[in-house]
PDB file of N, CA and C in Angstrom:
ATOM      1  N   MET A   1     124.301-139.415 163.671  1.00  0.00           N
ATOM      2  CA  MET A   1     123.525-138.396 162.973  1.00  0.00           C
ATOM      3  C   MET A   1     124.288-137.465 162.264  1.00  0.00           C
ATOM      4  N   THR A   2     124.127-137.059 161.082  1.00  0.00           N
ATOM      5  CA  THR A   2     124.859-136.063 160.250  1.00  0.00           C
ATOM      6  C   THR A   2     124.635-134.654 160.797  1.00  0.00           C
ATOM      7  N   ARG A   3     125.745-133.925 160.957  1.00  0.00           N
ATOM      8  CA  ARG A   3     125.510-132.491 161.266  1.00  0.00           C
ATOM      9  C   ARG A   3     125.065-131.636 160.102  1.00  0.00           C
ATOM     10  N   LEU A   4     124.278-130.679 160.308  1.00  0.00           N
ATOM     11  CA  LEU A   4     123.742-129.778 159.293  1.00  0.00           C
ATOM     12  C   LEU A   4     124.614-128.512 159.116  1.00  0.00           C
ATOM     13  N   TYR A   5     124.940-128.206 157.873  1.00  0.00           N
ATOM     14  CA  TYR A   5     125.672-127.056 157.633  1.00  0.00           C
ATOM     15  C   TYR A   5     124.923-126.190 156.576  1.00  0.00           C
ATOM     16  N   PHE A   6     124.233-125.149 156.875  1.00  0.00           N
ATOM     17  CA  PHE A   6     123.360-124.566 155.957  1.00  0.00           C
ATOM     18  C   PHE A   6     124.059-123.866 154.796  1.00  0.00           C
ATOM     19  N   TYR A   7     125.313-123.690 154.882  1.00  0.00           N
ATOM     20  CA  TYR A   7     126.063-122.847 153.872  1.00  0.00           C
ATOM     21  C   TYR A   7     126.898-123.886 153.047  1.00  0.00           C
ATOM     22  N   SER A   8     126.723-125.135 153.151  1.00  0.00           N
ATOM     23  CA  SER A   8     127.559-126.053 152.366  1.00  0.00           C
ATOM     24  C   SER A   8     126.604-127.128 151.774  1.00  0.00           C
ATOM     25  N   ILE A   9     127.065-127.846 150.788  1.00  0.00           N
ATOM     26  CA  ILE A   9     126.349-128.900 150.158  1.00  0.00           C
ATOM     27  C   ILE A   9     126.450-130.220 150.981  1.00  0.00           C
ATOM     28  N   ASP A  10     125.272-130.844 151.157  1.00  0.00           N
ATOM     29  CA  ASP A  10     125.177-132.033 151.890  1.00  0.00           C
ATOM     30  C   ASP A  10     125.973-133.081 151.107  1.00  0.00           C
ATOM     31  N   PRO A  11     126.928-133.706 151.817  1.00  0.00           N
ATOM     32  CA  PRO A  11     127.903-134.643 151.122  1.00  0.00           C
ATOM     33  C   PRO A  11     127.136-135.768 150.480  1.00  0.00           C
ATOM     34  N   ARG A  12     125.960-136.086 150.934  1.00  0.00           N
ATOM     35  CA  ARG A  12     125.225-137.201 150.362  1.00  0.00           C
ATOM     36  C   ARG A  12     124.764-136.839 148.873  1.00  0.00           C
ATOM     37  N   LEU A  13     124.761-135.504 148.570  1.00  0.00           N
ATOM     38  CA  LEU A  13     124.338-135.046 147.323  1.00  0.00           C
ATOM     39  C   LEU A  13     125.510-134.684 146.436  1.00  0.00           C
ATOM     40  N   GLY A  14     126.700-134.754 146.853  1.00  0.00           N
ATOM     41  CA  GLY A  14     127.921-134.376 146.116  1.00  0.00           C
ATOM     42  C   GLY A  14     128.723-133.431 146.804  1.00  0.00           C
ATOM     43  N   ASP A  15     129.668-132.750 145.996  1.00  0.00           N
ATOM     44  CA  ASP A  15     130.439-131.722 146.654  1.00  0.00           C
ATOM     45  C   ASP A  15     130.439-130.418 145.805  1.00  0.00           C
ATOM     46  N   GLU A  16     131.324-129.446 145.987  1.00  0.00           N
ATOM     47  CA  GLU A  16     131.243-128.190 145.313  1.00  0.00           C
ATOM     48  C   GLU A  16     131.567-128.436 143.815  1.00  0.00           C
ATOM     49  N   ASP A  17     132.574-129.323 143.612  1.00  0.00           N
ATOM     50  CA  ASP A  17     132.917-129.593 142.163  1.00  0.00           C
ATOM     51  C   ASP A  17     131.805-130.213 141.397  1.00  0.00           C
ATOM     52  N   ASP A  18     131.009-131.061 142.068  1.00  0.00           N
ATOM     53  CA  ASP A  18     129.817-131.534 141.438  1.00  0.00           C
ATOM     54  C   ASP A  18     128.827-130.521 141.104  1.00  0.00           C
ATOM     55  N   PHE A  19     128.662-129.613 142.082  1.00  0.00           N
ATOM     56  CA  PHE A  19     127.681-128.532 141.844  1.00  0.00           C
ATOM     57  C   PHE A  19     128.187-127.617 140.667  1.00  0.00           C
ATOM     58  N   ARG A  20     129.406-127.308 140.715  1.00  0.00           N
ATOM     59  CA  ARG A  20     129.948-126.546 139.537  1.00  0.00           C
ATOM     60  C   ARG A  20     129.708-127.110 138.202  1.00  0.00           C
ATOM     61  N   ALA A  21     129.948-128.496 138.164  1.00  0.00           N
ATOM     62  CA  ALA A  21     129.702-129.290 136.894  1.00  0.00           C
ATOM     63  C   ALA A  21     128.256-129.170 136.535  1.00  0.00           C
ATOM     64  N   LEU A  22     127.362-129.366 137.436  1.00  0.00           N
ATOM     65  CA  LEU A  22     125.947-129.255 137.259  1.00  0.00           C
ATOM     66  C   LEU A  22     125.669-127.842 136.641  1.00  0.00           C
ATOM     67  N   ALA A  23     126.118-126.854 137.218  1.00  0.00           N
ATOM     68  CA  ALA A  23     125.890-125.438 136.853  1.00  0.00           C
ATOM     69  C   ALA A  23     126.427-125.224 135.456  1.00  0.00           C
ATOM     70  N   ARG A  24     127.577-125.717 135.122  1.00  0.00           N
ATOM     71  CA  ARG A  24     128.211-125.516 133.779  1.00  0.00           C
ATOM     72  C   ARG A  24     127.375-126.338 132.754  1.00  0.00           C
ATOM     73  N   ALA A  25     126.873-127.521 133.094  1.00  0.00           N
ATOM     74  CA  ALA A  25     126.051-128.316 132.176  1.00  0.00           C
ATOM     75  C   ALA A  25     124.647-127.594 131.862  1.00  0.00           C
ATOM     76  N   CYS A  26     124.158-127.119 132.952  1.00  0.00           N
ATOM     77  CA  CYS A  26     122.771-126.426 132.778  1.00  0.00           C
ATOM     78  C   CYS A  26     123.108-125.190 131.891  1.00  0.00           C
ATOM     79  N   HIS A  27     124.068-124.325 132.206  1.00  0.00           N
ATOM     80  CA  HIS A  27     124.230-123.017 131.451  1.00  0.00           C
ATOM     81  C   HIS A  27     124.665-123.321 130.058  1.00  0.00           C
ATOM     82  N   SER A  28     125.360-124.431 129.766  1.00  0.00           N
ATOM     83  CA  SER A  28     125.723-124.697 128.354  1.00  0.00           C
ATOM     84  C   SER A  28     124.612-125.077 127.518  1.00  0.00           C
ATOM     85  N   ARG A  29     123.440-125.495 128.221  1.00  0.00           N
ATOM     86  CA  ARG A  29     122.213-125.798 127.522  1.00  0.00           C
ATOM     87  C   ARG A  29     121.180-124.781 127.575  1.00  0.00           C
ATOM     88  N   GLY A  30     121.538-123.554 128.135  1.00  0.00           N
ATOM     89  CA  GLY A  30     120.578-122.588 128.216  1.00  0.00           C
ATOM     90  C   GLY A  30     119.589-122.655 129.312  1.00  0.00           C
ATOM     91  N   ILE A  31     119.990-123.467 130.283  1.00  0.00           N
ATOM     92  CA  ILE A  31     119.031-123.707 131.518  1.00  0.00           C
ATOM     93  C   ILE A  31     119.589-122.881 132.672  1.00  0.00           C
ATOM     94  N   SER A  32     118.665-122.142 133.240  1.00  0.00           N
ATOM     95  CA  SER A  32     119.106-121.314 134.462  1.00  0.00           C
ATOM     96  C   SER A  32     118.994-122.282 135.720  1.00  0.00           C
ATOM     97  N   LEU A  33     119.797-122.005 136.580  1.00  0.00           N
ATOM     98  CA  LEU A  33     119.874-122.787 137.812  1.00  0.00           C
ATOM     99  C   LEU A  33     119.461-121.935 139.016  1.00  0.00           C
ATOM    100  N   MET A  34     118.446-122.365 139.746  1.00  0.00           N
ATOM    101  CA  MET A  34     117.978-121.549 140.832  1.00  0.00           C
ATOM    102  C   MET A  34     117.968-122.448 142.138  1.00  0.00           C
ATOM    103  N   LEU A  35     118.493-121.751 143.148  1.00  0.00           N
ATOM    104  CA  LEU A  35     118.520-122.627 144.486  1.00  0.00           C
ATOM    105  C   LEU A  35     117.472-122.036 145.355  1.00  0.00           C
ATOM    106  N   ASP A  36     116.872-122.920 146.157  1.00  0.00           N
ATOM    107  CA  ASP A  36     115.765-122.515 147.073  1.00  0.00           C
ATOM    108  C   ASP A  36     116.014-123.159 148.398  1.00  0.00           C
ATOM    109  N   GLY A  37     116.366-122.307 149.311  1.00  0.00           N
ATOM    110  CA  GLY A  37     116.484-122.757 150.755  1.00  0.00           C
ATOM    111  C   GLY A  37     115.288-122.458 151.590  1.00  0.00           C
ATOM    112  N   VAL A  38     114.713-123.324 152.260  1.00  0.00           N
ATOM    113  CA  VAL A  38     113.537-123.024 153.105  1.00  0.00           C
ATOM    114  C   VAL A  38     114.041-123.068 154.477  1.00  0.00           C
ATOM    115  N   PHE A  39     114.425-121.887 155.070  1.00  0.00           N
ATOM    116  CA  PHE A  39     114.954-121.801 156.346  1.00  0.00           C
ATOM    117  C   PHE A  39     114.016-121.390 157.452  1.00  0.00           C
ATOM    118  N   ASN A  40     112.810-121.018 157.032  1.00  0.00           N
ATOM    119  CA  ASN A  40     111.893-120.537 158.028  1.00  0.00           C
ATOM    120  C   ASN A  40     111.483-121.665 158.973  1.00  0.00           C
ATOM    121  N   HIS A  41     111.738-122.866 158.736  1.00  0.00           N
ATOM    122  CA  HIS A  41     111.408-123.960 159.633  1.00  0.00           C
ATOM    123  C   HIS A  41     112.410-124.085 160.837  1.00  0.00           C
ATOM    124  N   VAL A  42     113.448-123.324 160.738  1.00  0.00           N
ATOM    125  CA  VAL A  42     114.431-123.271 161.824  1.00  0.00           C
ATOM    126  C   VAL A  42     114.711-121.840 162.266  1.00  0.00           C
ATOM    127  N   GLY A  43     113.611-121.028 162.267  1.00  0.00           N
ATOM    128  CA  GLY A  43     113.862-119.611 162.635  1.00  0.00           C
ATOM    129  C   GLY A  43     114.281-119.520 164.126  1.00  0.00           C
ATOM    130  N   ILE A  44     114.785-118.463 164.460  1.00  0.00           N
ATOM    131  CA  ILE A  44     115.301-118.120 165.766  1.00  0.00           C
ATOM    132  C   ILE A  44     114.289-118.362 166.930  1.00  0.00           C
ATOM    133  N   GLU A  45     113.036-118.223 166.622  1.00  0.00           N
ATOM    134  CA  GLU A  45     112.015-118.284 167.657  1.00  0.00           C
ATOM    135  C   GLU A  45     111.499-119.767 167.816  1.00  0.00           C
ATOM    136  N   ASN A  46     111.893-120.731 166.851  1.00  0.00           N
ATOM    137  CA  ASN A  46     111.459-122.000 166.993  1.00  0.00           C
ATOM    138  C   ASN A  46     112.164-122.716 168.191  1.00  0.00           C
ATOM    139  N   PRO A  47     111.359-123.269 169.043  1.00  0.00           N
ATOM    140  CA  PRO A  47     111.908-123.848 170.244  1.00  0.00           C
ATOM    141  C   PRO A  47     112.985-125.015 169.960  1.00  0.00           C
ATOM    142  N   LEU A  48     112.842-125.790 168.976  1.00  0.00           N
ATOM    143  CA  LEU A  48     113.862-126.667 168.540  1.00  0.00           C
ATOM    144  C   LEU A  48     115.204-126.008 168.215  1.00  0.00           C
ATOM    145  N   PHE A  49     115.137-124.929 167.538  1.00  0.00           N
ATOM    146  CA  PHE A  49     116.217-124.173 167.157  1.00  0.00           C
ATOM    147  C   PHE A  49     116.989-123.591 168.370  1.00  0.00           C
ATOM    148  N   ARG A  50     116.199-123.134 169.285  1.00  0.00           N
ATOM    149  CA  ARG A  50     116.652-122.476 170.507  1.00  0.00           C
ATOM    150  C   ARG A  50     117.479-123.557 171.404  1.00  0.00           C
ATOM    151  N   LYS A  51     116.794-124.766 171.456  1.00  0.00           N
ATOM    152  CA  LYS A  51     117.377-125.906 172.228  1.00  0.00           C
ATOM    153  C   LYS A  51     118.743-126.361 171.558  1.00  0.00           C
ATOM    154  N   GLU A  52     118.861-126.428 170.256  1.00  0.00           N
ATOM    155  CA  GLU A  52     120.000-126.777 169.536  1.00  0.00           C
ATOM    156  C   GLU A  52     121.043-125.643 169.694  1.00  0.00           C
ATOM    157  N   LEU A  53     120.649-124.407 169.639  1.00  0.00           N
ATOM    158  CA  LEU A  53     121.623-123.322 169.709  1.00  0.00           C
ATOM    159  C   LEU A  53     122.236-123.310 171.197  1.00  0.00           C
ATOM    160  N   ALA A  54     121.493-123.648 172.157  1.00  0.00           N
ATOM    161  CA  ALA A  54     122.027-123.655 173.560  1.00  0.00           C
ATOM    162  C   ALA A  54     122.910-124.828 173.842  1.00  0.00           C
ATOM    163  N   ASP A  55     122.893-125.860 172.908  1.00  0.00           N
ATOM    164  CA  ASP A  55     123.795-127.027 173.227  1.00  0.00           C
ATOM    165  C   ASP A  55     125.074-126.981 172.283  1.00  0.00           C
ATOM    166  N   ALA A  56     126.138-126.747 172.731  1.00  0.00           N
ATOM    167  CA  ALA A  56     127.393-126.694 172.024  1.00  0.00           C
ATOM    168  C   ALA A  56     127.646-128.069 171.223  1.00  0.00           C
ATOM    169  N   ASP A  57     127.107-129.099 171.759  1.00  0.00           N
ATOM    170  CA  ASP A  57     127.374-130.415 171.052  1.00  0.00           C
ATOM    171  C   ASP A  57     126.189-130.885 170.201  1.00  0.00           C
ATOM    172  N   ALA A  58     125.247-130.029 170.017  1.00  0.00           N
ATOM    173  CA  ALA A  58     124.134-130.349 169.275  1.00  0.00           C
ATOM    174  C   ALA A  58     124.358-130.840 167.827  1.00  0.00           C
ATOM    175  N   VAL A  59     123.636-131.880 167.341  1.00  0.00           N
ATOM    176  CA  VAL A  59     123.688-132.457 166.045  1.00  0.00           C
ATOM    177  C   VAL A  59     123.612-131.269 165.062  1.00  0.00           C
ATOM    178  N   ALA A  60     122.671-130.461 165.105  1.00  0.00           N
ATOM    179  CA  ALA A  60     122.376-129.553 164.111  1.00  0.00           C
ATOM    180  C   ALA A  60     123.222-128.275 164.107  1.00  0.00           C
ATOM    181  N   ARG A  61     124.194-128.303 165.034  1.00  0.00           N
ATOM    182  CA  ARG A  61     125.080-127.103 165.172  1.00  0.00           C
ATOM    183  C   ARG A  61     126.088-127.004 163.969  1.00  0.00           C
ATOM    184  N   GLY A  62     126.214-125.764 163.509  1.00  0.00           N
ATOM    185  CA  GLY A  62     127.067-125.695 162.423  1.00  0.00           C
ATOM    186  C   GLY A  62     126.926-124.587 161.484  1.00  0.00           C
TER     187      GLY A  62
END
């Protein structure tokens, strides 16, 4: 299972260079780029989050 890192790009989607290229391509065409992260599903009160947080080897740790 892939580890989750909320502050980096999922490698299945590309890398930071790919993102920069996307941003440049959008901006060169007058297109704004907006990122949307939906993090409320893993809030600190969520039991699944608490379980993962307590486990140093958890898949979602990162």
